[in-house]
């Protein structure tokens, strides 16, 4: 079935911050005895910026305390952090598109472990597609990625997977994508209407390649 889609990035798009950094500081506040984890985070961030390690390696350190938190903690992170930083004009655009009958996707490189609460608590959102984390034998999330980081071309692959599983297709001429990052150029190619989030001016503009 062909549908009109509105596809939104999350970090610096639907929310005004980077959720990975928000999570890192939230988890340290929850577990202050692990404060020395700041050292490997800084070191591995430098290595990543130098191109010496893969993104999955550096994310392991930012999400190290994931395995120490409960599901209630992750919900609290959404309620007390993520929801506070939802960008008003992007939320308004998302709600407007839902009222117009659009199928709403959030697609992000951040973990589904906590982004799933957007889907749970915002009824306008049809599906969150995000980086998956492994779980331990007790079903708790741990700090390693399951599969690939959901960024760039991987976003497109995961969107196509979702479409295939739900027998849907994107009506190219009528669909929209929203992002603050040029790494989302592959995702923009799925739709005719490409929207750029101007973080400085806090407004939605047409994307210019």
C-alpha atoms as a PDB file:
ATOM      1  CA  UNK A   1       0.000   0.000   0.000  1.00  0.00           C
ATOM      2  CA  UNK A   2       1.388   3.397  -1.011  1.00  0.00           C
ATOM      3  CA  UNK A   3       1.233   5.955   1.813  1.00  0.00           C
ATOM      4  CA  UNK A   4       2.307   9.528   2.450  1.00  0.00           C
ATOM      5  CA  UNK A   5       5.193   9.463   4.945  1.00  0.00           C
ATOM      6  CA  UNK A   6       6.760  12.072   7.208  1.00  0.00           C
ATOM      7  CA  UNK A   7      10.152  10.822   8.390  1.00  0.00           C
ATOM      8  CA  UNK A   8      11.919  12.613  11.250  1.00  0.00           C
ATOM      9  CA  UNK A   9      15.445  12.361  12.601  1.00  0.00           C
ATOM     10  CA  UNK A  10      15.573  12.698  16.400  1.00  0.00           C
ATOM     11  CA  UNK A  11      18.772  14.287  17.754  1.00  0.00           C
ATOM     12  CA  UNK A  12      18.886  18.028  16.979  1.00  0.00           C
ATOM     13  CA  UNK A  13      15.688  17.584  14.971  1.00  0.00           C
ATOM     14  CA  UNK A  14      12.738  16.414  17.056  1.00  0.00           C
ATOM     15  CA  UNK A  15      14.768  17.243  20.157  1.00  0.00           C
ATOM     16  CA  UNK A  16      17.185  20.139  20.460  1.00  0.00           C
ATOM     17  CA  UNK A  17      20.013  18.095  22.014  1.00  0.00           C
ATOM     18  CA  UNK A  18      22.004  14.948  21.352  1.00  0.00           C
ATOM     19  CA  UNK A  19      20.312  12.167  23.307  1.00  0.00           C
ATOM     20  CA  UNK A  20      23.559  10.191  23.660  1.00  0.00           C
ATOM     21  CA  UNK A  21      25.147  12.986  25.692  1.00  0.00           C
ATOM     22  CA  UNK A  22      21.955  13.493  27.677  1.00  0.00           C
ATOM     23  CA  UNK A  23      21.918   9.784  28.477  1.00  0.00           C
ATOM     24  CA  UNK A  24      25.573   9.735  29.508  1.00  0.00           C
ATOM     25  CA  UNK A  25      25.074  12.456  32.121  1.00  0.00           C
ATOM     26  CA  UNK A  26      21.731  11.027  33.247  1.00  0.00           C
ATOM     27  CA  UNK A  27      23.302   7.595  33.793  1.00  0.00           C
ATOM     28  CA  UNK A  28      26.214   9.068  35.740  1.00  0.00           C
ATOM     29  CA  UNK A  29      23.786  10.918  37.982  1.00  0.00           C
ATOM     30  CA  UNK A  30      21.979   7.626  38.564  1.00  0.00           C
ATOM     31  CA  UNK A  31      25.223   5.732  39.183  1.00  0.00           C
ATOM     32  CA  UNK A  32      27.778   8.301  40.458  1.00  0.00           C
ATOM     33  CA  UNK A  33      30.132   5.551  41.625  1.00  0.00           C
ATOM     34  CA  UNK A  34      31.060   5.120  37.936  1.00  0.00           C
ATOM     35  CA  UNK A  35      32.210   8.714  37.493  1.00  0.00           C
ATOM     36  CA  UNK A  36      35.650   7.549  36.295  1.00  0.00           C
ATOM     37  CA  UNK A  37      33.928   6.291  33.149  1.00  0.00           C
ATOM     38  CA  UNK A  38      34.348   9.873  31.951  1.00  0.00           C
ATOM     39  CA  UNK A  39      38.011   9.069  31.201  1.00  0.00           C
ATOM     40  CA  UNK A  40      37.437   6.287  28.617  1.00  0.00           C
ATOM     41  CA  UNK A  41      34.557   8.294  27.123  1.00  0.00           C
ATOM     42  CA  UNK A  42      36.843  11.271  26.474  1.00  0.00           C
ATOM     43  CA  UNK A  43      39.726   9.110  25.245  1.00  0.00           C
ATOM     44  CA  UNK A  44      37.617   7.032  22.868  1.00  0.00           C
ATOM     45  CA  UNK A  45      35.814  10.119  21.571  1.00  0.00           C
ATOM     46  CA  UNK A  46      39.217  11.503  20.542  1.00  0.00           C
ATOM     47  CA  UNK A  47      40.107   8.213  18.852  1.00  0.00           C
ATOM     48  CA  UNK A  48      36.802   8.221  16.986  1.00  0.00           C
ATOM     49  CA  UNK A  49      37.285  11.823  15.831  1.00  0.00           C
ATOM     50  CA  UNK A  50      40.715  10.793  14.509  1.00  0.00           C
ATOM     51  CA  UNK A  51      39.111   7.944  12.588  1.00  0.00           C
ATOM     52  CA  UNK A  52      40.950   5.281  14.581  1.00  0.00           C
ATOM     53  CA  UNK A  53      37.943   3.388  15.943  1.00  0.00           C
ATOM     54  CA  UNK A  54      34.458   2.513  14.718  1.00  0.00           C
ATOM     55  CA  UNK A  55      31.390   4.363  15.985  1.00  0.00           C
ATOM     56  CA  UNK A  56      30.230   1.202  17.752  1.00  0.00           C
ATOM     57  CA  UNK A  57      33.378   1.235  19.879  1.00  0.00           C
ATOM     58  CA  UNK A  58      32.910   4.760  21.161  1.00  0.00           C
ATOM     59  CA  UNK A  59      29.197   4.241  21.777  1.00  0.00           C
ATOM     60  CA  UNK A  60      30.039   1.336  24.098  1.00  0.00           C
ATOM     61  CA  UNK A  61      31.520   3.829  26.525  1.00  0.00           C
ATOM     62  CA  UNK A  62      28.731   6.401  26.318  1.00  0.00           C
ATOM     63  CA  UNK A  63      26.198   3.655  26.973  1.00  0.00           C
ATOM     64  CA  UNK A  64      28.310   1.690  29.453  1.00  0.00           C
ATOM     65  CA  UNK A  65      25.814   2.215  32.272  1.00  0.00           C
ATOM     66  CA  UNK A  66      22.881   1.010  30.172  1.00  0.00           C
ATOM     67  CA  UNK A  67      23.390  -2.430  31.738  1.00  0.00           C
ATOM     68  CA  UNK A  68      23.150  -0.916  35.215  1.00  0.00           C
ATOM     69  CA  UNK A  69      19.784   0.763  34.641  1.00  0.00           C
ATOM     70  CA  UNK A  70      16.253  -0.598  34.857  1.00  0.00           C
ATOM     71  CA  UNK A  71      13.413  -0.143  32.398  1.00  0.00           C
ATOM     72  CA  UNK A  72      11.929   2.320  34.886  1.00  0.00           C
ATOM     73  CA  UNK A  73      15.161   4.341  34.658  1.00  0.00           C
ATOM     74  CA  UNK A  74      14.886   4.454  30.848  1.00  0.00           C
ATOM     75  CA  UNK A  75      11.302   5.649  31.078  1.00  0.00           C
ATOM     76  CA  UNK A  76      12.393   8.282  33.591  1.00  0.00           C
ATOM     77  CA  UNK A  77      15.081   9.392  31.145  1.00  0.00           C
ATOM     78  CA  UNK A  78      12.399   9.979  28.530  1.00  0.00           C
ATOM     79  CA  UNK A  79      10.017  11.697  30.939  1.00  0.00           C
ATOM     80  CA  UNK A  80      12.532  13.945  32.667  1.00  0.00           C
ATOM     81  CA  UNK A  81      15.096  14.574  29.912  1.00  0.00           C
ATOM     82  CA  UNK A  82      14.111  13.739  26.343  1.00  0.00           C
ATOM     83  CA  UNK A  83      10.555  15.058  26.527  1.00  0.00           C
ATOM     84  CA  UNK A  84      11.818  18.342  27.991  1.00  0.00           C
ATOM     85  CA  UNK A  85      13.942  18.988  24.916  1.00  0.00           C
ATOM     86  CA  UNK A  86      11.320  18.311  22.249  1.00  0.00           C
ATOM     87  CA  UNK A  87      11.493  21.184  19.758  1.00  0.00           C
ATOM     88  CA  UNK A  88       8.109  22.938  19.735  1.00  0.00           C
ATOM     89  CA  UNK A  89       7.998  23.845  16.049  1.00  0.00           C
ATOM     90  CA  UNK A  90       9.088  20.363  14.955  1.00  0.00           C
ATOM     91  CA  UNK A  91       6.516  18.758  17.265  1.00  0.00           C
ATOM     92  CA  UNK A  92       3.864  21.046  15.770  1.00  0.00           C
ATOM     93  CA  UNK A  93       4.929  19.980  12.272  1.00  0.00           C
ATOM     94  CA  UNK A  94       4.792  16.308  13.263  1.00  0.00           C
ATOM     95  CA  UNK A  95       1.301  16.683  14.757  1.00  0.00           C
ATOM     96  CA  UNK A  96       0.113  18.609  11.694  1.00  0.00           C
ATOM     97  CA  UNK A  97       1.376  15.900   9.376  1.00  0.00           C
ATOM     98  CA  UNK A  98      -0.371  13.207  11.433  1.00  0.00           C
ATOM     99  CA  UNK A  99      -3.639  15.170  11.291  1.00  0.00           C
ATOM    100  CA  UNK A 100      -3.224  15.282   7.500  1.00  0.00           C
ATOM    101  CA  UNK A 101      -3.035  11.488   7.437  1.00  0.00           C
ATOM    102  CA  UNK A 102       0.716  10.951   7.144  1.00  0.00           C
ATOM    103  CA  UNK A 103       2.464   7.828   8.408  1.00  0.00           C
ATOM    104  CA  UNK A 104       5.024   9.108  10.933  1.00  0.00           C
ATOM    105  CA  UNK A 105       8.455   7.529  11.379  1.00  0.00           C
ATOM    106  CA  UNK A 106      11.268   8.509  13.739  1.00  0.00           C
ATOM    107  CA  UNK A 107      14.589   7.195  12.437  1.00  0.00           C
ATOM    108  CA  UNK A 108      17.707   7.650  14.543  1.00  0.00           C
ATOM    109  CA  UNK A 109      21.240   6.440  15.250  1.00  0.00           C
ATOM    110  CA  UNK A 110      20.484   6.654  18.973  1.00  0.00           C
ATOM    111  CA  UNK A 111      19.281   3.528  20.805  1.00  0.00           C
ATOM    112  CA  UNK A 112      15.771   2.176  20.490  1.00  0.00           C
ATOM    113  CA  UNK A 113      16.163   1.209  24.179  1.00  0.00           C
ATOM    114  CA  UNK A 114      15.006   4.685  25.205  1.00  0.00           C
ATOM    115  CA  UNK A 115      13.700   6.191  21.965  1.00  0.00           C
ATOM    116  CA  UNK A 116      10.878   3.628  22.012  1.00  0.00           C
ATOM    117  CA  UNK A 117       9.186   5.844  24.592  1.00  0.00           C
ATOM    118  CA  UNK A 118       8.466   8.400  21.875  1.00  0.00           C
ATOM    119  CA  UNK A 119       6.388   5.721  20.168  1.00  0.00           C
ATOM    120  CA  UNK A 120       4.751   4.715  23.439  1.00  0.00           C
ATOM    121  CA  UNK A 121       3.959   8.222  24.686  1.00  0.00           C
ATOM    122  CA  UNK A 122       3.356  10.207  21.492  1.00  0.00           C
ATOM    123  CA  UNK A 123       0.333   8.660  19.743  1.00  0.00           C
ATOM    124  CA  UNK A 124       1.129  10.525  16.514  1.00  0.00           C
ATOM    125  CA  UNK A 125       4.229   8.369  15.964  1.00  0.00           C
ATOM    126  CA  UNK A 126       3.645   5.150  14.062  1.00  0.00           C
ATOM    127  CA  UNK A 127       7.108   3.661  14.474  1.00  0.00           C
ATOM    128  CA  UNK A 128      10.553   4.376  15.919  1.00  0.00           C
ATOM    129  CA  UNK A 129      13.436   2.896  13.929  1.00  0.00           C
ATOM    130  CA  UNK A 130      16.752   3.197  15.761  1.00  0.00           C
ATOM    131  CA  UNK A 131      20.021   1.524  16.646  1.00  0.00           C
ATOM    132  CA  UNK A 132      19.374  -1.744  18.456  1.00  0.00           C
ATOM    133  CA  UNK A 133      21.346  -2.820  21.523  1.00  0.00           C
ATOM    134  CA  UNK A 134      22.050  -6.365  22.613  1.00  0.00           C
ATOM    135  CA  UNK A 135      20.345  -7.773  25.700  1.00  0.00           C
ATOM    136  CA  UNK A 136      21.722 -10.042  28.405  1.00  0.00           C
ATOM    137  CA  UNK A 137      20.312 -13.375  29.582  1.00  0.00           C
ATOM    138  CA  UNK A 138      17.825 -11.516  31.781  1.00  0.00           C
ATOM    139  CA  UNK A 139      16.505  -9.464  28.890  1.00  0.00           C
ATOM    140  CA  UNK A 140      18.201  -6.243  30.017  1.00  0.00           C
ATOM    141  CA  UNK A 141      19.849  -3.934  27.512  1.00  0.00           C
ATOM    142  CA  UNK A 142      23.638  -3.859  27.463  1.00  0.00           C
ATOM    143  CA  UNK A 143      26.037  -1.394  25.856  1.00  0.00           C
ATOM    144  CA  UNK A 144      26.892  -3.150  22.588  1.00  0.00           C
ATOM    145  CA  UNK A 145      25.101  -2.701  19.282  1.00  0.00           C
ATOM    146  CA  UNK A 146      23.004  -5.408  17.712  1.00  0.00           C
ATOM    147  CA  UNK A 147      23.660  -5.038  14.007  1.00  0.00           C
ATOM    148  CA  UNK A 148      24.736  -1.789  12.415  1.00  0.00           C
ATOM    149  CA  UNK A 149      24.557   1.778  13.670  1.00  0.00           C
ATOM    150  CA  UNK A 150      21.313   3.211  12.278  1.00  0.00           C
ATOM    151  CA  UNK A 151      22.881   6.091  10.359  1.00  0.00           C
ATOM    152  CA  UNK A 152      23.315   7.136   6.723  1.00  0.00           C
ATOM    153  CA  UNK A 153      22.599   4.280   4.316  1.00  0.00           C
ATOM    154  CA  UNK A 154      21.638   2.015   7.216  1.00  0.00           C
ATOM    155  CA  UNK A 155      18.653   4.272   7.904  1.00  0.00           C
ATOM    156  CA  UNK A 156      17.436   3.653   4.365  1.00  0.00           C
ATOM    157  CA  UNK A 157      17.956  -0.109   4.680  1.00  0.00           C
ATOM    158  CA  UNK A 158      16.012  -0.184   7.949  1.00  0.00           C
ATOM    159  CA  UNK A 159      13.188   1.931   6.504  1.00  0.00           C
ATOM    160  CA  UNK A 160      12.894  -0.434   3.531  1.00  0.00           C
ATOM    161  CA  UNK A 161      12.839  -3.370   5.939  1.00  0.00           C
ATOM    162  CA  UNK A 162       9.971  -1.760   7.844  1.00  0.00           C
ATOM    163  CA  UNK A 163       8.090  -1.049   4.614  1.00  0.00           C
ATOM    164  CA  UNK A 164       8.501  -4.636   3.403  1.00  0.00           C
ATOM    165  CA  UNK A 165       7.382  -6.116   6.715  1.00  0.00           C
ATOM    166  CA  UNK A 166       4.251  -3.959   6.738  1.00  0.00           C
ATOM    167  CA  UNK A 167       3.457  -4.153   3.005  1.00  0.00           C
ATOM    168  CA  UNK A 168       3.854  -0.393   2.602  1.00  0.00           C
ATOM    169  CA  UNK A 169       5.553   1.886   0.096  1.00  0.00           C
ATOM    170  CA  UNK A 170       6.397   5.587   0.165  1.00  0.00           C
ATOM    171  CA  UNK A 171       4.440   7.974  -2.053  1.00  0.00           C
ATOM    172  CA  UNK A 172       7.550   9.870  -3.163  1.00  0.00           C
ATOM    173  CA  UNK A 173       5.868  13.048  -4.496  1.00  0.00           C
ATOM    174  CA  UNK A 174       3.830  13.641  -1.339  1.00  0.00           C
ATOM    175  CA  UNK A 175       6.244  12.547   1.381  1.00  0.00           C
ATOM    176  CA  UNK A 176       8.574  14.538   3.658  1.00  0.00           C
ATOM    177  CA  UNK A 177      11.827  13.993   5.560  1.00  0.00           C
ATOM    178  CA  UNK A 178      13.262  16.216   8.295  1.00  0.00           C
ATOM    179  CA  UNK A 179      16.837  16.343   9.594  1.00  0.00           C
ATOM    180  CA  UNK A 180      19.610  18.629  10.801  1.00  0.00           C
ATOM    181  CA  UNK A 181      22.408  16.495   9.354  1.00  0.00           C
ATOM    182  CA  UNK A 182      23.852  15.989   5.879  1.00  0.00           C
ATOM    183  CA  UNK A 183      24.543  12.374   6.857  1.00  0.00           C
ATOM    184  CA  UNK A 184      20.798  11.946   6.217  1.00  0.00           C
ATOM    185  CA  UNK A 185      21.134  12.650   2.483  1.00  0.00           C
ATOM    186  CA  UNK A 186      20.359   8.974   1.714  1.00  0.00           C
ATOM    187  CA  UNK A 187      17.136   9.254   3.712  1.00  0.00           C
ATOM    188  CA  UNK A 188      16.234  12.492   1.924  1.00  0.00           C
ATOM    189  CA  UNK A 189      16.373  10.623  -1.382  1.00  0.00           C
ATOM    190  CA  UNK A 190      13.311   8.601  -0.334  1.00  0.00           C
ATOM    191  CA  UNK A 191      11.014  11.643  -0.537  1.00  0.00           C
ATOM    192  CA  UNK A 192      10.437  14.691  -2.687  1.00  0.00           C
ATOM    193  CA  UNK A 193      10.065  17.190   0.162  1.00  0.00           C
ATOM    194  CA  UNK A 194      13.369  17.498   2.003  1.00  0.00           C
ATOM    195  CA  UNK A 195      13.309  19.697   5.119  1.00  0.00           C
ATOM    196  CA  UNK A 196      16.353  21.066   6.910  1.00  0.00           C
ATOM    197  CA  UNK A 197      16.258  21.864  10.626  1.00  0.00           C
ATOM    198  CA  UNK A 198      18.103  25.148  11.129  1.00  0.00           C
ATOM    199  CA  UNK A 199      19.382  24.708  14.683  1.00  0.00           C
ATOM    200  CA  UNK A 200      20.615  28.282  14.999  1.00  0.00           C
ATOM    201  CA  UNK A 201      17.387  29.941  13.896  1.00  0.00           C
ATOM    202  CA  UNK A 202      15.150  27.144  15.250  1.00  0.00           C
ATOM    203  CA  UNK A 203      13.118  26.808  12.084  1.00  0.00           C
ATOM    204  CA  UNK A 204      12.335  24.354   9.291  1.00  0.00           C
ATOM    205  CA  UNK A 205      13.742  25.211   5.862  1.00  0.00           C
ATOM    206  CA  UNK A 206      13.969  23.515   2.480  1.00  0.00           C
ATOM    207  CA  UNK A 207      17.098  21.383   2.232  1.00  0.00           C
ATOM    208  CA  UNK A 208      19.692  22.612  -0.241  1.00  0.00           C
ATOM    209  CA  UNK A 209      22.255  19.981  -1.201  1.00  0.00           C
END
